[in-house]
Amino acid sequence: QVRLAESGGGLVQAGGSLRLSCVDSGRTVRPYTTGWFRRAPGKEREFVAAINWSGTNTDYTDSVKGRFTVSKDNAKNTVYLQMNSLNADDTGVYYCAADLFSTGRIWDGASTYDYWGQGTQVTVSS
C-alpha cells in the first residue's frame, strides 16, 4: 500500500518561500506518479504540479510555472515541492497524491489519483 504524509506548511509573508515534503511510508508495489493539489478557501481543489516515478518528467499549472519546482529522492521515498515568490493566491491546504495506474503521460485530474495524504496548511500573508 501507499501511505503518504505531507509536511512543511506554515505561515509566510508574500515573497517568501516554503518547501513541502511528501513521504511515502508504505510498501511500494509499483512505480507511480506523484501529484500536488491545493484547496484555497472557498475554491475547488486544483492541480499544482506532478512528477513521474523516475523524475524525468514534470508538469505545472500555469499560475506556478517559474516559481514552484517539484523534485524527488526515491532513496528517501520523498517528493518535494519548492515554492518561491509566494503570494496570497497560493494560500490553501496542499495535498500530495499517488497515481498508480495511469500510463502515457502525467494527468492533472484529481480523480486519476488513488492515494492521498492528509494535507498541510500554507498561509501567505500580504
Protein backbone atom coordinates (compact mmCIF):
# COMPACT_ATOMS: atom_id res chain seq x y z
CA GLN A 1 0.00 0.00 0.00
CA VAL A 2 0.93 3.65 -0.44
CA ARG A 3 0.83 5.82 2.69
CA LEU A 4 1.52 9.50 2.09
CA ALA A 5 2.15 12.27 4.59
CA GLU A 6 2.83 15.94 3.82
CA SER A 7 4.85 18.34 5.93
CA GLY A 8 6.50 21.75 5.67
CA GLY A 9 3.49 24.05 5.57
CA GLY A 10 3.29 27.20 7.62
CA LEU A 11 2.74 30.95 7.69
CA VAL A 12 4.94 33.12 5.46
CA GLN A 13 4.91 36.66 4.14
CA ALA A 14 4.32 37.43 0.48
CA GLY A 15 7.53 36.95 -1.49
CA GLY A 16 8.78 34.24 0.84
CA SER A 17 9.47 30.55 0.26
CA LEU A 18 8.46 27.18 1.64
CA ARG A 19 9.47 23.62 0.82
CA LEU A 20 6.84 20.93 1.22
CA SER A 21 7.69 17.26 1.60
CA CYS A 22 5.62 14.19 0.79
CA VAL A 23 6.89 10.98 2.38
CA ASP A 24 5.66 7.53 1.41
CA SER A 25 5.92 5.28 4.46
CA GLY A 26 4.08 2.36 2.87
CA ARG A 27 5.27 -0.56 0.82
CA THR A 28 5.90 0.44 -2.79
CA VAL A 29 4.23 -2.12 -5.02
CA ARG A 30 4.80 -0.40 -8.36
CA PRO A 31 6.16 2.86 -9.76
CA TYR A 32 3.77 5.78 -9.58
CA THR A 33 3.36 9.45 -10.40
CA THR A 34 3.09 11.91 -7.51
CA GLY A 35 0.87 14.97 -7.86
CA TRP A 36 0.43 18.07 -5.74
CA PHE A 37 -3.00 19.64 -5.34
CA ARG A 38 -4.30 22.54 -3.27
CA ARG A 39 -7.63 23.80 -2.00
CA ALA A 40 -7.95 27.51 -1.30
CA PRO A 41 -10.71 28.86 0.97
CA GLY A 42 -13.99 28.94 -0.92
CA LYS A 43 -12.49 27.39 -4.05
CA GLU A 44 -12.35 23.95 -5.62
CA ARG A 45 -9.34 21.68 -5.37
CA GLU A 46 -6.87 22.36 -8.17
CA PHE A 47 -3.84 20.69 -9.66
CA VAL A 48 -0.49 22.31 -8.85
CA ALA A 49 2.37 20.08 -10.04
CA ALA A 50 3.38 16.47 -10.59
CA ILE A 51 6.42 14.30 -11.20
CA ASN A 52 6.77 10.81 -12.61
CA TRP A 53 8.50 7.95 -10.82
CA SER A 54 11.91 8.37 -12.41
CA GLY A 55 11.84 12.15 -12.01
CA THR A 56 12.38 12.71 -15.72
CA ASN A 57 9.02 14.36 -16.40
CA THR A 58 7.21 17.13 -14.54
CA ASP A 59 4.13 19.25 -15.06
CA TYR A 60 2.87 22.51 -13.54
CA THR A 61 -0.25 24.57 -13.62
CA ASP A 62 0.30 27.92 -15.34
CA SER A 63 -0.04 30.03 -12.21
CA VAL A 64 3.01 28.44 -10.54
CA LYS A 65 5.36 27.99 -13.50
CA GLY A 66 8.70 29.63 -12.83
CA ARG A 67 8.00 29.84 -9.09
CA PHE A 68 7.46 26.23 -7.97
CA THR A 69 9.71 23.22 -8.55
CA VAL A 70 8.77 19.60 -7.92
CA SER A 71 11.54 17.08 -7.36
CA LYS A 72 12.06 13.74 -5.68
CA ASP A 73 14.52 11.44 -3.97
CA ASN A 74 13.45 7.83 -4.34
CA ALA A 75 16.10 6.67 -1.89
CA LYS A 76 14.30 8.72 0.77
CA ASN A 77 10.80 7.89 -0.52
CA THR A 78 10.17 11.62 -0.67
CA VAL A 79 8.76 14.11 -3.17
CA TYR A 80 9.36 17.83 -2.66
CA LEU A 81 7.58 20.98 -3.73
CA GLN A 82 9.80 24.05 -3.54
CA MET A 83 7.63 27.16 -3.54
CA ASN A 84 9.22 30.56 -4.16
CA SER A 85 7.82 34.07 -4.60
CA LEU A 86 4.69 33.12 -2.73
CA ASN A 87 1.63 35.34 -2.90
CA ALA A 88 -1.75 35.38 -1.19
CA ASP A 89 -3.31 33.35 -4.00
CA ASP A 90 -1.08 30.43 -3.01
CA THR A 91 -2.82 30.12 0.34
CA GLY A 92 -4.59 26.81 0.89
CA VAL A 93 -4.29 23.23 2.04
CA TYR A 94 -1.74 21.34 -0.03
CA TYR A 95 -2.08 17.62 -0.69
CA CYS A 96 0.16 15.07 -2.35
CA ALA A 97 -1.36 12.11 -4.16
CA ALA A 98 -0.24 8.96 -5.96
CA ASP A 99 -1.39 7.82 -9.41
CA LEU A 100 -0.55 4.12 -9.65
CA PHE A 101 -2.38 3.05 -12.79
CA SER A 102 -2.34 5.74 -15.48
CA THR A 103 0.08 5.39 -18.35
CA GLY A 104 1.28 7.53 -21.22
CA ARG A 105 1.54 10.92 -19.52
CA ILE A 106 1.00 12.90 -16.34
CA TRP A 107 -2.67 13.62 -15.64
CA ASP A 108 -3.99 16.65 -13.75
CA GLY A 109 -7.41 15.36 -12.75
CA ALA A 110 -7.87 14.60 -9.06
CA SER A 111 -9.97 11.54 -9.86
CA THR A 112 -6.93 9.99 -11.55
CA TYR A 113 -5.07 9.74 -8.25
CA ASP A 114 -5.56 6.76 -5.98
CA TYR A 115 -3.96 7.64 -2.62
CA TRP A 116 -3.87 10.96 -0.79
CA GLY A 117 -2.08 12.48 2.16
CA GLN A 118 -3.79 14.38 4.96
CA GLY A 119 -2.79 17.82 3.72
CA THR A 120 -0.64 20.63 5.10
CA GLN A 121 -1.73 24.24 5.52
CA VAL A 122 0.09 27.02 3.65
CA THR A 123 -0.83 30.58 4.57
CA VAL A 124 0.70 33.57 2.79
CA SER A 125 0.14 36.97 4.38
CA SER A 126 0.08 40.23 2.41
